[in-house]
Amino acid sequence: MLKQFWRLNEREQEANRKRSRVQARVEHVFAQHANRLVRNIKQVRVGVNIGMMNLMHNMHRLVWLAG
């Protein structure tokens, strides 16, 4: 069965761009965390580590935005 593709109008293209920007930012954060994920036996420690990585990312982002 052949797939048919339709061109999006201007409004749909702009909506896709906005969604893509947000999605890319969110995925970028989690990709960074996956590279740094430390193996821990207890899930509580993993949760704390992820929370600390999120905090550090947010602090770096704040410095970058303010700078």
N, C-alpha and C. Protein backbone atom coordinates (compact mmCIF):
# COMPACT_ATOMS: atom_id res chain seq x y z
N MET A 1 0.84 -1.18 0.00
CA MET A 1 0.00 0.00 0.00
C MET A 1 0.88 1.24 0.00
N LEU A 2 0.59 2.16 -0.87
CA LEU A 2 1.38 3.37 -0.98
C LEU A 2 0.93 4.40 0.05
N LYS A 3 1.93 5.05 0.66
CA LYS A 3 1.60 6.14 1.58
C LYS A 3 1.46 7.41 0.77
N GLN A 4 0.51 8.20 1.15
CA GLN A 4 0.32 9.48 0.48
C GLN A 4 0.74 10.58 1.44
N PHE A 5 1.49 11.53 0.94
CA PHE A 5 1.95 12.64 1.76
C PHE A 5 1.34 13.93 1.24
N TRP A 6 0.84 14.73 2.13
CA TRP A 6 0.26 16.01 1.78
C TRP A 6 1.15 17.09 2.35
N ARG A 7 1.23 18.18 1.63
CA ARG A 7 1.99 19.32 2.13
C ARG A 7 1.20 20.00 3.24
N LEU A 8 1.91 20.43 4.25
CA LEU A 8 1.27 21.13 5.35
C LEU A 8 1.11 22.60 5.00
N ASN A 9 0.04 23.19 5.51
CA ASN A 9 -0.11 24.62 5.27
C ASN A 9 0.78 25.39 6.26
N GLU A 10 0.81 26.70 6.13
CA GLU A 10 1.71 27.54 6.95
C GLU A 10 1.47 27.35 8.44
N ARG A 11 0.21 27.32 8.85
CA ARG A 11 -0.12 27.19 10.27
C ARG A 11 0.36 25.86 10.83
N GLU A 12 0.16 24.79 10.08
CA GLU A 12 0.60 23.46 10.51
C GLU A 12 2.12 23.38 10.58
N GLN A 13 2.80 24.00 9.61
CA GLN A 13 4.27 24.01 9.63
C GLN A 13 4.80 24.75 10.85
N GLU A 14 4.19 25.89 11.18
CA GLU A 14 4.62 26.66 12.36
C GLU A 14 4.37 25.87 13.64
N ALA A 15 3.23 25.18 13.73
CA ALA A 15 2.94 24.36 14.91
C ALA A 15 3.95 23.23 15.04
N ASN A 16 4.33 22.61 13.93
CA ASN A 16 5.34 21.55 13.96
C ASN A 16 6.69 22.08 14.40
N ARG A 17 7.05 23.28 13.94
CA ARG A 17 8.32 23.88 14.34
C ARG A 17 8.37 24.12 15.85
N LYS A 18 7.27 24.64 16.40
CA LYS A 18 7.23 24.91 17.84
C LYS A 18 7.36 23.61 18.63
N ARG A 19 6.62 22.58 18.23
CA ARG A 19 6.70 21.29 18.91
C ARG A 19 8.10 20.69 18.80
N SER A 20 8.69 20.80 17.63
CA SER A 20 10.01 20.23 17.41
C SER A 20 11.07 20.91 18.27
N ARG A 21 10.98 22.22 18.44
CA ARG A 21 11.93 22.93 19.29
C ARG A 21 11.86 22.43 20.73
N VAL A 22 10.65 22.33 21.25
CA VAL A 22 10.48 21.86 22.62
C VAL A 22 10.97 20.42 22.75
N GLN A 23 10.59 19.58 21.82
CA GLN A 23 10.98 18.17 21.86
C GLN A 23 12.49 18.02 21.80
N ALA A 24 13.14 18.81 20.96
CA ALA A 24 14.60 18.72 20.84
C ALA A 24 15.28 19.12 22.14
N ARG A 25 14.77 20.17 22.80
CA ARG A 25 15.37 20.59 24.07
C ARG A 25 15.20 19.53 25.14
N VAL A 26 14.03 18.94 25.21
CA VAL A 26 13.78 17.91 26.22
C VAL A 26 14.65 16.68 25.95
N GLU A 27 14.70 16.24 24.71
CA GLU A 27 15.50 15.06 24.37
C GLU A 27 16.98 15.31 24.59
N HIS A 28 17.43 16.53 24.36
CA HIS A 28 18.84 16.86 24.56
C HIS A 28 19.23 16.69 26.02
N VAL A 29 18.37 17.13 26.92
CA VAL A 29 18.65 17.01 28.36
C VAL A 29 18.77 15.54 28.75
N PHE A 30 17.82 14.72 28.31
CA PHE A 30 17.85 13.32 28.69
C PHE A 30 18.99 12.57 28.02
N ALA A 31 19.40 12.99 26.84
CA ALA A 31 20.54 12.36 26.18
C ALA A 31 21.81 12.63 26.97
N GLN A 32 21.96 13.85 27.49
CA GLN A 32 23.12 14.18 28.33
C GLN A 32 23.12 13.33 29.59
N HIS A 33 21.96 13.17 30.19
CA HIS A 33 21.86 12.39 31.42
C HIS A 33 22.17 10.92 31.18
N ALA A 34 21.74 10.41 30.05
CA ALA A 34 21.99 9.00 29.76
C ALA A 34 23.48 8.73 29.64
N ASN A 35 24.22 9.69 29.11
CA ASN A 35 25.65 9.52 28.97
C ASN A 35 26.37 9.53 30.32
N ARG A 36 25.80 10.22 31.29
CA ARG A 36 26.44 10.35 32.60
C ARG A 36 25.83 9.45 33.66
N LEU A 37 24.85 8.66 33.29
CA LEU A 37 24.13 7.88 34.29
C LEU A 37 25.06 6.93 35.02
N VAL A 38 25.03 7.03 36.33
CA VAL A 38 25.89 6.20 37.16
C VAL A 38 25.08 4.98 37.60
N ARG A 39 25.69 3.81 37.52
CA ARG A 39 24.97 2.61 37.95
C ARG A 39 24.97 2.54 39.47
N ASN A 40 23.79 2.46 40.01
CA ASN A 40 23.63 2.35 41.45
C ASN A 40 22.73 1.16 41.77
N ILE A 41 22.95 0.58 42.93
CA ILE A 41 22.15 -0.57 43.32
C ILE A 41 20.76 -0.12 43.75
N LYS A 42 20.69 0.95 44.49
CA LYS A 42 19.39 1.37 45.01
C LYS A 42 18.78 2.46 44.14
N GLN A 43 17.50 2.33 43.86
CA GLN A 43 16.82 3.29 42.99
C GLN A 43 16.73 4.67 43.62
N VAL A 44 16.74 4.74 44.93
CA VAL A 44 16.69 6.04 45.60
C VAL A 44 17.92 6.86 45.23
N ARG A 45 19.08 6.19 45.24
CA ARG A 45 20.30 6.89 44.87
C ARG A 45 20.27 7.33 43.41
N VAL A 46 19.71 6.49 42.55
CA VAL A 46 19.60 6.86 41.15
C VAL A 46 18.72 8.10 41.01
N GLY A 47 17.60 8.12 41.73
CA GLY A 47 16.70 9.27 41.68
C GLY A 47 17.39 10.54 42.14
N VAL A 48 18.18 10.45 43.19
CA VAL A 48 18.92 11.62 43.69
C VAL A 48 19.95 12.06 42.65
N ASN A 49 20.65 11.10 42.05
CA ASN A 49 21.64 11.46 41.03
C ASN A 49 20.99 12.16 39.84
N ILE A 50 19.86 11.64 39.39
CA ILE A 50 19.17 12.27 38.27
C ILE A 50 18.68 13.66 38.66
N GLY A 51 18.16 13.79 39.87
CA GLY A 51 17.72 15.10 40.37
C GLY A 51 18.87 16.10 40.41
N MET A 52 20.04 15.66 40.85
CA MET A 52 21.20 16.54 40.91
C MET A 52 21.66 16.92 39.49
N MET A 53 21.62 15.97 38.57
CA MET A 53 22.00 16.28 37.19
C MET A 53 21.02 17.29 36.59
N ASN A 54 19.72 17.14 36.89
CA ASN A 54 18.72 18.11 36.41
C ASN A 54 18.99 19.48 36.99
N LEU A 55 19.30 19.53 38.28
CA LEU A 55 19.59 20.80 38.94
C LEU A 55 20.80 21.48 38.30
N MET A 56 21.86 20.71 38.06
CA MET A 56 23.06 21.27 37.45
C MET A 56 22.77 21.76 36.03
N HIS A 57 22.00 20.99 35.28
CA HIS A 57 21.65 21.42 33.92
C HIS A 57 20.88 22.73 33.96
N ASN A 58 19.92 22.82 34.88
CA ASN A 58 19.12 24.05 34.99
C ASN A 58 19.98 25.24 35.40
N MET A 59 20.94 25.01 36.29
CA MET A 59 21.83 26.09 36.71
C MET A 59 22.72 26.54 35.55
N HIS A 60 23.25 25.59 34.79
CA HIS A 60 24.05 25.95 33.62
C HIS A 60 23.21 26.72 32.61
N ARG A 61 21.98 26.28 32.41
CA ARG A 61 21.09 26.95 31.46
C ARG A 61 20.78 28.38 31.92
N LEU A 62 20.55 28.57 33.23
CA LEU A 62 20.27 29.89 33.78
C LEU A 62 21.46 30.82 33.58
N VAL A 63 22.66 30.31 33.84
CA VAL A 63 23.87 31.12 33.64
C VAL A 63 24.00 31.49 32.17
N TRP A 64 23.74 30.54 31.28
CA TRP A 64 23.85 30.81 29.86
C TRP A 64 22.83 31.86 29.40
N LEU A 65 21.58 31.72 29.91
CA LEU A 65 20.54 32.67 29.52
C LEU A 65 20.80 34.06 30.10
N ALA A 66 21.33 34.13 31.32
CA ALA A 66 21.58 35.41 31.96
C ALA A 66 22.82 36.09 31.38
N GLY A 67 23.76 35.27 30.87
CA GLY A 67 25.05 35.79 30.43
C GLY A 67 24.98 36.49 29.15
